[in-house]
Amino acid sequence: RDMLGLDVDVSSMLPADDMSHGFDNMADVLTISPALM
């Protein structure tokens, strides 16, 4: 949104993020897989 001026709902494009201690922005669980890439 900030770069392209376009607000898109990415929930249909990317799977839900894993959570750690109630947060979904913890680096240790934001892993990457070939399917996610």
Full PDB file with SEQRES, HELIX, SHEET, SSBOND, CRYST1, ORIGX, SCALE, CONECT and MASTER records, all heavy atoms in Angstrom:
SEQRES   1 A   37  ARG ASP MET LEU GLY LEU ASP VAL ASP VAL SER SER MET          
SEQRES   2 A   37  LEU PRO ALA ASP ASP MET SER HIS GLY PHE ASP ASN MET          
SEQRES   3 A   37  ALA ASP VAL LEU THR ILE SER PRO ALA LEU MET                  
HELIX    1 AA1 VAL A   10  SER A   12  5                                   3    
CRYST1    1.000    1.000    1.000  90.00  90.00  90.00 P 1           1          
ORIGX1      1.000000  0.000000  0.000000        0.00000                         
ORIGX2      0.000000  1.000000  0.000000        0.00000                         
ORIGX3      0.000000  0.000000  1.000000        0.00000                         
SCALE1      1.000000  0.000000  0.000000        0.00000                         
SCALE2      0.000000  1.000000  0.000000        0.00000                         
SCALE3      0.000000  0.000000  1.000000        0.00000                         
ATOM      1  N   ARG A   1       0.830  -1.210   0.000  1.00  0.00           N  
ATOM      2  CA  ARG A   1       0.000   0.000   0.000  1.00  0.00           C  
ATOM      3  C   ARG A   1       0.863   1.258   0.000  1.00  0.00           C  
ATOM      4  O   ARG A   1       0.601   2.205  -0.747  1.00  0.00           O  
ATOM      5  CB  ARG A   1      -0.914  -0.017   1.221  1.00  0.00           C  
ATOM      6  CG  ARG A   1      -1.850   1.181   1.345  1.00  0.00           C  
ATOM      7  CD  ARG A   1      -2.338   1.320   2.762  1.00  0.00           C  
ATOM      8  NE  ARG A   1      -1.217   1.530   3.678  1.00  0.00           N  
ATOM      9  CZ  ARG A   1      -1.225   1.160   4.954  1.00  0.00           C  
ATOM     10  NH1 ARG A   1      -2.255   0.550   5.483  1.00  0.00           N  
ATOM     11  NH2 ARG A   1      -0.156   1.393   5.714  1.00  0.00           N  
ATOM     12  N   ASP A   2       1.907   1.271   0.827  1.00  0.00           N  
ATOM     13  CA  ASP A   2       2.753   2.458   0.930  1.00  0.00           C  
ATOM     14  C   ASP A   2       3.599   2.661  -0.315  1.00  0.00           C  
ATOM     15  O   ASP A   2       3.883   3.800  -0.708  1.00  0.00           O  
ATOM     16  CB  ASP A   2       3.665   2.349   2.158  1.00  0.00           C  
ATOM     17  CG  ASP A   2       2.881   2.348   3.464  1.00  0.00           C  
ATOM     18  OD1 ASP A   2       1.715   2.776   3.430  1.00  0.00           O  
ATOM     19  OD2 ASP A   2       3.428   1.915   4.486  1.00  0.00           O  
ATOM     20  N   MET A   3       4.018   1.569  -0.965  1.00  0.00           N  
ATOM     21  CA  MET A   3       4.894   1.679  -2.119  1.00  0.00           C  
ATOM     22  C   MET A   3       4.125   1.908  -3.407  1.00  0.00           C  
ATOM     23  O   MET A   3       4.509   2.736  -4.236  1.00  0.00           O  
ATOM     24  CB  MET A   3       5.751   0.422  -2.254  1.00  0.00           C  
ATOM     25  CG  MET A   3       6.707   0.457  -3.455  1.00  0.00           C  
ATOM     26  SD  MET A   3       7.834  -0.960  -3.520  1.00  0.00           S  
ATOM     27  CE  MET A   3       6.691  -2.312  -3.744  1.00  0.00           C  
ATOM     28  N   LEU A   4       3.012   1.195  -3.584  1.00  0.00           N  
ATOM     29  CA  LEU A   4       2.296   1.208  -4.861  1.00  0.00           C  
ATOM     30  C   LEU A   4       0.979   1.972  -4.812  1.00  0.00           C  
ATOM     31  O   LEU A   4       0.332   2.128  -5.853  1.00  0.00           O  
ATOM     32  CB  LEU A   4       2.019  -0.230  -5.319  1.00  0.00           C  
ATOM     33  CG  LEU A   4       3.237  -1.158  -5.442  1.00  0.00           C  
ATOM     34  CD1 LEU A   4       2.790  -2.532  -5.903  1.00  0.00           C  
ATOM     35  CD2 LEU A   4       4.262  -0.573  -6.402  1.00  0.00           C  
ATOM     36  N   GLY A   5       0.556   2.429  -3.633  1.00  0.00           N  
ATOM     37  CA  GLY A   5      -0.733   3.105  -3.549  1.00  0.00           C  
ATOM     38  C   GLY A   5      -1.888   2.182  -3.859  1.00  0.00           C  
ATOM     39  O   GLY A   5      -2.922   2.612  -4.361  1.00  0.00           O  
ATOM     40  N   LEU A   6      -1.724   0.899  -3.538  1.00  0.00           N  
ATOM     41  CA  LEU A   6      -2.730  -0.110  -3.858  1.00  0.00           C  
ATOM     42  C   LEU A   6      -3.010  -0.939  -2.615  1.00  0.00           C  
ATOM     43  O   LEU A   6      -2.100  -1.553  -2.044  1.00  0.00           O  
ATOM     44  CB  LEU A   6      -2.220  -1.011  -4.990  1.00  0.00           C  
ATOM     45  CG  LEU A   6      -3.168  -2.095  -5.493  1.00  0.00           C  
ATOM     46  CD1 LEU A   6      -4.343  -1.477  -6.242  1.00  0.00           C  
ATOM     47  CD2 LEU A   6      -2.422  -3.072  -6.400  1.00  0.00           C  
ATOM     48  N   ASP A   7      -4.251  -0.961  -2.170  1.00  0.00           N  
ATOM     49  CA  ASP A   7      -4.637  -1.734  -1.003  1.00  0.00           C  
ATOM     50  C   ASP A   7      -5.279  -3.031  -1.464  1.00  0.00           C  
ATOM     51  O   ASP A   7      -6.354  -3.021  -2.076  1.00  0.00           O  
ATOM     52  CB  ASP A   7      -5.612  -0.936  -0.131  1.00  0.00           C  
ATOM     53  CG  ASP A   7      -5.864  -1.611   1.210  1.00  0.00           C  
ATOM     54  OD1 ASP A   7      -5.103  -2.523   1.566  1.00  0.00           O  
ATOM     55  OD2 ASP A   7      -6.824  -1.223   1.902  1.00  0.00           O  
ATOM     56  N   VAL A   8      -4.613  -4.141  -1.212  1.00  0.00           N  
ATOM     57  CA  VAL A   8      -5.119  -5.438  -1.655  1.00  0.00           C  
ATOM     58  C   VAL A   8      -5.259  -6.358  -0.454  1.00  0.00           C  
ATOM     59  O   VAL A   8      -4.482  -6.280   0.510  1.00  0.00           O  
ATOM     60  CB  VAL A   8      -4.186  -6.088  -2.696  1.00  0.00           C  
ATOM     61  CG1 VAL A   8      -4.201  -5.303  -3.986  1.00  0.00           C  
ATOM     62  CG2 VAL A   8      -2.757  -6.201  -2.166  1.00  0.00           C  
ATOM     63  N   ASP A   9      -6.250  -7.230  -0.506  1.00  0.00           N  
ATOM     64  CA  ASP A   9      -6.441  -8.237   0.531  1.00  0.00           C  
ATOM     65  C   ASP A   9      -5.609  -9.456   0.148  1.00  0.00           C  
ATOM     66  O   ASP A   9      -5.946 -10.187  -0.779  1.00  0.00           O  
ATOM     67  CB  ASP A   9      -7.918  -8.598   0.637  1.00  0.00           C  
ATOM     68  CG  ASP A   9      -8.187  -9.610   1.745  1.00  0.00           C  
ATOM     69  OD1 ASP A   9      -7.237  -9.928   2.492  1.00  0.00           O  
ATOM     70  OD2 ASP A   9      -9.327 -10.087   1.855  1.00  0.00           O  
ATOM     71  N   VAL A  10      -4.503  -9.662   0.858  1.00  0.00           N  
ATOM     72  CA  VAL A  10      -3.589 -10.748   0.500  1.00  0.00           C  
ATOM     73  C   VAL A  10      -3.939 -12.050   1.212  1.00  0.00           C  
ATOM     74  O   VAL A  10      -3.237 -13.048   1.043  1.00  0.00           O  
ATOM     75  CB  VAL A  10      -2.126 -10.357   0.825  1.00  0.00           C  
ATOM     76  CG1 VAL A  10      -1.717  -9.139   0.023  1.00  0.00           C  
ATOM     77  CG2 VAL A  10      -1.940 -10.110   2.313  1.00  0.00           C  
ATOM     78  N   SER A  11      -5.010 -12.060   1.997  1.00  0.00           N  
ATOM     79  CA  SER A  11      -5.363 -13.279   2.730  1.00  0.00           C  
ATOM     80  C   SER A  11      -5.730 -14.421   1.788  1.00  0.00           C  
ATOM     81  O   SER A  11      -5.586 -15.590   2.152  1.00  0.00           O  
ATOM     82  CB  SER A  11      -6.523 -13.005   3.691  1.00  0.00           C  
ATOM     83  OG  SER A  11      -7.658 -12.550   2.992  1.00  0.00           O  
ATOM     84  N   SER A  12      -6.215 -14.088   0.588  1.00  0.00           N  
ATOM     85  CA  SER A  12      -6.546 -15.131  -0.381  1.00  0.00           C  
ATOM     86  C   SER A  12      -5.333 -15.557  -1.193  1.00  0.00           C  
ATOM     87  O   SER A  12      -5.406 -16.545  -1.940  1.00  0.00           O  
ATOM     88  CB  SER A  12      -7.647 -14.637  -1.326  1.00  0.00           C  
ATOM     89  OG  SER A  12      -7.213 -13.497  -2.048  1.00  0.00           O  
ATOM     90  N   MET A  13      -4.218 -14.830  -1.073  1.00  0.00           N  
ATOM     91  CA  MET A  13      -3.017 -15.139  -1.845  1.00  0.00           C  
ATOM     92  C   MET A  13      -1.958 -15.864  -1.021  1.00  0.00           C  
ATOM     93  O   MET A  13      -1.190 -16.662  -1.557  1.00  0.00           O  
ATOM     94  CB  MET A  13      -2.403 -13.846  -2.400  1.00  0.00           C  
ATOM     95  CG  MET A  13      -3.349 -12.978  -3.187  1.00  0.00           C  
ATOM     96  SD  MET A  13      -2.529 -11.447  -3.729  1.00  0.00           S  
ATOM     97  CE  MET A  13      -3.933 -10.489  -4.283  1.00  0.00           C  
ATOM     98  N   LEU A  14      -1.911 -15.581   0.291  1.00  0.00           N  
ATOM     99  CA  LEU A  14      -0.877 -16.136   1.155  1.00  0.00           C  
ATOM    100  C   LEU A  14      -1.519 -16.844   2.340  1.00  0.00           C  
ATOM    101  O   LEU A  14      -2.556 -16.403   2.829  1.00  0.00           O  
ATOM    102  CB  LEU A  14       0.056 -15.030   1.667  1.00  0.00           C  
ATOM    103  CG  LEU A  14       0.794 -14.204   0.608  1.00  0.00           C  
ATOM    104  CD1 LEU A  14       1.523 -13.040   1.265  1.00  0.00           C  
ATOM    105  CD2 LEU A  14       1.769 -15.065  -0.175  1.00  0.00           C  
ATOM    106  N   PRO A  15      -0.920 -17.932   2.814  1.00  0.00           N  
ATOM    107  CA  PRO A  15      -1.492 -18.633   3.974  1.00  0.00           C  
ATOM    108  C   PRO A  15      -1.334 -17.811   5.244  1.00  0.00           C  
ATOM    109  O   PRO A  15      -0.516 -16.890   5.319  1.00  0.00           O  
ATOM    110  CB  PRO A  15      -0.655 -19.926   4.040  1.00  0.00           C  
ATOM    111  CG  PRO A  15       0.641 -19.571   3.387  1.00  0.00           C  
ATOM    112  CD  PRO A  15       0.308 -18.581   2.306  1.00  0.00           C  
ATOM    113  N   ALA A  16      -2.108 -18.169   6.246  1.00  0.00           N  
ATOM    114  CA  ALA A  16      -2.038 -17.461   7.532  1.00  0.00           C  
ATOM    115  C   ALA A  16      -0.663 -17.663   8.163  1.00  0.00           C  
ATOM    116  O   ALA A  16      -0.022 -18.700   7.989  1.00  0.00           O  
ATOM    117  CB  ALA A  16      -3.134 -17.968   8.460  1.00  0.00           C  
ATOM    118  N   ASP A  17      -0.203 -16.648   8.891  1.00  0.00           N  
ATOM    119  CA  ASP A  17       1.105 -16.713   9.547  1.00  0.00           C  
ATOM    120  C   ASP A  17       1.011 -17.490  10.854  1.00  0.00           C  
ATOM    121  O   ASP A  17       0.003 -17.422  11.565  1.00  0.00           O  
ATOM    122  CB  ASP A  17       1.615 -15.294   9.840  1.00  0.00           C  
ATOM    123  CG  ASP A  17       1.815 -14.478   8.573  1.00  0.00           C  
ATOM    124  OD1 ASP A  17       2.588 -14.919   7.709  1.00  0.00           O  
ATOM    125  OD2 ASP A  17       1.198 -13.408   8.457  1.00  0.00           O  
ATOM    126  N   ASP A  18       2.086 -18.231  11.159  1.00  0.00           N  
ATOM    127  CA  ASP A  18       2.162 -18.906  12.449  1.00  0.00           C  
ATOM    128  C   ASP A  18       2.305 -17.872  13.562  1.00  0.00           C  
ATOM    129  O   ASP A  18       2.803 -16.765  13.338  1.00  0.00           O  
ATOM    130  CB  ASP A  18       3.353 -19.867  12.479  1.00  0.00           C  
ATOM    131  CG  ASP A  18       3.148 -21.048  11.539  1.00  0.00           C  
ATOM    132  OD1 ASP A  18       1.990 -21.444  11.346  1.00  0.00           O  
ATOM    133  OD2 ASP A  18       4.152 -21.567  11.002  1.00  0.00           O  
ATOM    134  N   MET A  19       1.885 -18.263  14.760  1.00  0.00           N  
ATOM    135  CA  MET A  19       1.922 -17.344  15.897  1.00  0.00           C  
ATOM    136  C   MET A  19       2.834 -17.895  16.982  1.00  0.00           C  
ATOM    137  O   MET A  19       3.004 -19.111  17.123  1.00  0.00           O  
ATOM    138  CB  MET A  19       0.520 -17.113  16.457  1.00  0.00           C  
ATOM    139  CG  MET A  19      -0.452 -16.520  15.448  1.00  0.00           C  
ATOM    140  SD  MET A  19      -2.046 -16.101  16.178  1.00  0.00           S  
ATOM    141  CE  MET A  19      -1.615 -14.679  17.159  1.00  0.00           C  
ATOM    142  N   SER A  20       3.416 -16.973  17.755  1.00  0.00           N  
ATOM    143  CA  SER A  20       4.236 -17.328  18.902  1.00  0.00           C  
ATOM    144  C   SER A  20       3.906 -16.383  20.041  1.00  0.00           C  
ATOM    145  O   SER A  20       3.974 -15.162  19.864  1.00  0.00           O  
ATOM    146  CB  SER A  20       5.725 -17.236  18.545  1.00  0.00           C  
ATOM    147  OG  SER A  20       6.540 -17.470  19.684  1.00  0.00           O  
ATOM    148  N   HIS A  21       3.485 -16.935  21.176  1.00  0.00           N  
ATOM    149  CA  HIS A  21       3.106 -16.137  22.339  1.00  0.00           C  
ATOM    150  C   HIS A  21       2.015 -15.116  21.989  1.00  0.00           C  
ATOM    151  O   HIS A  21       1.993 -14.006  22.514  1.00  0.00           O  
ATOM    152  CB  HIS A  21       4.318 -15.413  22.923  1.00  0.00           C  
ATOM    153  CG  HIS A  21       5.384 -16.339  23.425  1.00  0.00           C  
ATOM    154  ND1 HIS A  21       6.363 -16.854  22.597  1.00  0.00           N  
ATOM    155  CD2 HIS A  21       5.631 -16.848  24.659  1.00  0.00           C  
ATOM    156  CE1 HIS A  21       7.167 -17.640  23.307  1.00  0.00           C  
ATOM    157  NE2 HIS A  21       6.739 -17.666  24.557  1.00  0.00           N  
ATOM    158  N   GLY A  22       1.133 -15.483  21.073  1.00  0.00           N  
ATOM    159  CA  GLY A  22       0.016 -14.622  20.714  1.00  0.00           C  
ATOM    160  C   GLY A  22       0.322 -13.585  19.650  1.00  0.00           C  
ATOM    161  O   GLY A  22      -0.543 -12.781  19.314  1.00  0.00           O  
ATOM    162  N   PHE A  23       1.545 -13.586  19.104  1.00  0.00           N  
ATOM    163  CA  PHE A  23       1.922 -12.603  18.091  1.00  0.00           C  
ATOM    164  C   PHE A  23       2.249 -13.310  16.778  1.00  0.00           C  
ATOM    165  O   PHE A  23       2.841 -14.401  16.774  1.00  0.00           O  
ATOM    166  CB  PHE A  23       3.131 -11.784  18.554  1.00  0.00           C  
ATOM    167  CG  PHE A  23       2.879 -10.940  19.767  1.00  0.00           C  
ATOM    168  CD1 PHE A  23       3.160 -11.416  21.040  1.00  0.00           C  
ATOM    169  CD2 PHE A  23       2.334  -9.674  19.637  1.00  0.00           C  
ATOM    170  CE1 PHE A  23       2.912 -10.642  22.163  1.00  0.00           C  
ATOM    171  CE2 PHE A  23       2.084  -8.893  20.755  1.00  0.00           C  
ATOM    172  CZ  PHE A  23       2.368  -9.376  22.013  1.00  0.00           C  
ATOM    173  N   ASP A  24       1.879 -12.665  15.656  1.00  0.00           N  
ATOM    174  CA  ASP A  24       2.158 -13.255  14.349  1.00  0.00           C  
ATOM    175  C   ASP A  24       3.287 -12.531  13.617  1.00  0.00           C  
ATOM    176  O   ASP A  24       3.411 -12.666  12.390  1.00  0.00           O  
ATOM    177  CB  ASP A  24       0.898 -13.269  13.478  1.00  0.00           C  
ATOM    178  CG  ASP A  24       0.387 -11.876  13.150  1.00  0.00           C  
ATOM    179  OD1 ASP A  24       0.969 -10.889  13.655  1.00  0.00           O  
ATOM    180  OD2 ASP A  24      -0.580 -11.762  12.373  1.00  0.00           O  
ATOM    181  N   ASN A  25       4.107 -11.771  14.346  1.00  0.00           N  
ATOM    182  CA  ASN A  25       5.247 -11.093  13.719  1.00  0.00           C  
ATOM    183  C   ASN A  25       6.560 -11.471  14.406  1.00  0.00           C  
ATOM    184  O   ASN A  25       7.499 -10.680  14.456  1.00  0.00           O  
ATOM    185  CB  ASN A  25       5.053  -9.569  13.748  1.00  0.00           C  
ATOM    186  CG  ASN A  25       4.963  -9.013  15.163  1.00  0.00           C  
ATOM    187  OD1 ASN A  25       4.773  -9.764  16.121  1.00  0.00           O  
ATOM    188  ND2 ASN A  25       5.091  -7.713  15.292  1.00  0.00           N  
ATOM    189  N   MET A  26       6.625 -12.685  14.929  1.00  0.00           N  
ATOM    190  CA  MET A  26       7.830 -13.177  15.593  1.00  0.00           C  
ATOM    191  C   MET A  26       8.711 -13.878  14.563  1.00  0.00           C  
ATOM    192  O   MET A  26       8.293 -14.838  13.905  1.00  0.00           O  
ATOM    193  CB  MET A  26       7.467 -14.146  16.724  1.00  0.00           C  
ATOM    194  CG  MET A  26       6.477 -13.554  17.732  1.00  0.00           C  
ATOM    195  SD  MET A  26       7.165 -12.182  18.670  1.00  0.00           S  
ATOM    196  CE  MET A  26       8.159 -13.068  19.844  1.00  0.00           C  
ATOM    197  N   ALA A  27       9.948 -13.415  14.445  1.00  0.00           N  
ATOM    198  CA  ALA A  27      10.838 -13.905  13.397  1.00  0.00           C  
ATOM    199  C   ALA A  27      11.086 -15.406  13.498  1.00  0.00           C  
ATOM    200  O   ALA A  27      11.233 -16.084  12.467  1.00  0.00           O  
ATOM    201  CB  ALA A  27      12.163 -13.148  13.444  1.00  0.00           C  
ATOM    202  N   ASP A  28      11.112 -15.951  14.722  1.00  0.00           N  
ATOM    203  CA  ASP A  28      11.483 -17.356  14.865  1.00  0.00           C  
ATOM    204  C   ASP A  28      10.439 -18.311  14.301  1.00  0.00           C  
ATOM    205  O   ASP A  28      10.753 -19.481  14.043  1.00  0.00           O  
ATOM    206  CB  ASP A  28      11.767 -17.690  16.333  1.00  0.00           C  
ATOM    207  CG  ASP A  28      10.601 -17.364  17.241  1.00  0.00           C  
ATOM    208  OD1 ASP A  28       9.738 -16.581  16.818  1.00  0.00           O  
ATOM    209  OD2 ASP A  28      10.551 -17.882  18.377  1.00  0.00           O  
ATOM    210  N   VAL A  29       9.205 -17.863  14.102  1.00  0.00           N  
ATOM    211  CA  VAL A  29       8.177 -18.746  13.522  1.00  0.00           C  
ATOM    212  C   VAL A  29       7.760 -18.319  12.125  1.00  0.00           C  
ATOM    213  O   VAL A  29       6.975 -19.010  11.478  1.00  0.00           O  
ATOM    214  CB  VAL A  29       6.932 -18.819  14.432  1.00  0.00           C  
ATOM    215  CG1 VAL A  29       7.283 -19.440  15.773  1.00  0.00           C  
ATOM    216  CG2 VAL A  29       6.295 -17.458  14.616  1.00  0.00           C  
ATOM    217  N   LEU A  30       8.272 -17.183  11.650  1.00  0.00           N  
ATOM    218  CA  LEU A  30       7.943 -16.744  10.287  1.00  0.00           C  
ATOM    219  C   LEU A  30       8.907 -17.420   9.314  1.00  0.00           C  
ATOM    220  O   LEU A  30       9.757 -16.786   8.692  1.00  0.00           O  
ATOM    221  CB  LEU A  30       8.039 -15.223  10.177  1.00  0.00           C  
ATOM    222  CG  LEU A  30       6.934 -14.446  10.903  1.00  0.00           C  
ATOM    223  CD1 LEU A  30       7.204 -12.950  10.853  1.00  0.00           C  
ATOM    224  CD2 LEU A  30       5.569 -14.745  10.302  1.00  0.00           C  
ATOM    225  N   THR A  31       8.758 -18.709   9.202  1.00  0.00           N  
ATOM    226  CA  THR A  31       9.642 -19.498   8.356  1.00  0.00           C  
ATOM    227  C   THR A  31       9.207 -19.398   6.895  1.00  0.00           C  
ATOM    228  O   THR A  31       8.143 -18.857   6.579  1.00  0.00           O  
ATOM    229  CB  THR A  31       9.643 -20.962   8.806  1.00  0.00           C  
ATOM    230  OG1 THR A  31       8.279 -21.444   8.815  1.00  0.00           O  
ATOM    231  CG2 THR A  31      10.209 -21.091  10.213  1.00  0.00           C  
ATOM    232  N   ILE A  32      10.022 -19.942   6.016  1.00  0.00           N  
ATOM    233  CA  ILE A  32       9.734 -19.918   4.585  1.00  0.00           C  
ATOM    234  C   ILE A  32       9.856 -21.336   4.049  1.00  0.00           C  
ATOM    235  O   ILE A  32      10.683 -22.119   4.508  1.00  0.00           O  
ATOM    236  CB  ILE A  32      10.707 -18.963   3.836  1.00  0.00           C  
ATOM    237  CG1 ILE A  32      10.239 -18.708   2.393  1.00  0.00           C  
ATOM    238  CG2 ILE A  32      12.125 -19.480   3.881  1.00  0.00           C  
ATOM    239  CD1 ILE A  32       9.034 -17.837   2.286  1.00  0.00           C  
ATOM    240  N   SER A  33       8.995 -21.681   3.127  1.00  0.00           N  
ATOM    241  CA  SER A  33       9.022 -22.993   2.479  1.00  0.00           C  
ATOM    242  C   SER A  33       8.917 -22.785   0.982  1.00  0.00           C  
ATOM    243  O   SER A  33       8.519 -21.711   0.515  1.00  0.00           O  
ATOM    244  CB  SER A  33       7.862 -23.855   2.976  1.00  0.00           C  
ATOM    245  OG  SER A  33       6.616 -23.283   2.567  1.00  0.00           O  
ATOM    246  N   PRO A  34       9.274 -23.793   0.174  1.00  0.00           N  
ATOM    247  CA  PRO A  34       9.117 -23.642  -1.285  1.00  0.00           C  
ATOM    248  C   PRO A  34       7.689 -23.294  -1.688  1.00  0.00           C  
ATOM    249  O   PRO A  34       7.465 -22.460  -2.573  1.00  0.00           O  
ATOM    250  CB  PRO A  34       9.543 -25.016  -1.816  1.00  0.00           C  
ATOM    251  CG  PRO A  34      10.497 -25.541  -0.785  1.00  0.00           C  
ATOM    252  CD  PRO A  34       9.961 -25.042   0.529  1.00  0.00           C  
ATOM    253  N   ALA A  35       6.700 -23.897  -1.015  1.00  0.00           N  
ATOM    254  CA  ALA A  35       5.303 -23.603  -1.348  1.00  0.00           C  
ATOM    255  C   ALA A  35       4.953 -22.156  -1.016  1.00  0.00           C  
ATOM    256  O   ALA A  35       4.243 -21.482  -1.781  1.00  0.00           O  
ATOM    257  CB  ALA A  35       4.375 -24.557  -0.597  1.00  0.00           C  
ATOM    258  N   LEU A  36       5.448 -21.661   0.131  1.00  0.00           N  
ATOM    259  CA  LEU A  36       5.151 -20.277   0.510  1.00  0.00           C  
ATOM    260  C   LEU A  36       5.847 -19.303  -0.440  1.00  0.00           C  
ATOM    261  O   LEU A  36       5.274 -18.272  -0.799  1.00  0.00           O  
ATOM    262  CB  LEU A  36       5.596 -20.028   1.947  1.00  0.00           C  
ATOM    263  CG  LEU A  36       5.319 -18.632   2.509  1.00  0.00           C  
ATOM    264  CD1 LEU A  36       3.833 -18.286   2.422  1.00  0.00           C  
ATOM    265  CD2 LEU A  36       5.789 -18.522   3.958  1.00  0.00           C  
ATOM    266  N   MET A  37       7.071 -19.618  -0.846  1.00  0.00           N  
ATOM    267  CA  MET A  37       7.771 -18.742  -1.789  1.00  0.00           C  
ATOM    268  C   MET A  37       7.035 -18.683  -3.120  1.00  0.00           C  
ATOM    269  O   MET A  37       6.941 -17.623  -3.747  1.00  0.00           O  
ATOM    270  CB  MET A  37       9.203 -19.242  -1.991  1.00  0.00           C  
ATOM    271  CG  MET A  37      10.140 -18.188  -2.542  1.00  0.00           C  
ATOM    272  SD  MET A  37      10.364 -16.818  -1.401  1.00  0.00           S  
ATOM    273  CE  MET A  37      10.321 -15.410  -2.516  1.00  0.00           C  
TER     274      MET A  37                                                      
MASTER        0    0    0    1    0    0    0    6  273    1    0    3          
END                                                                             
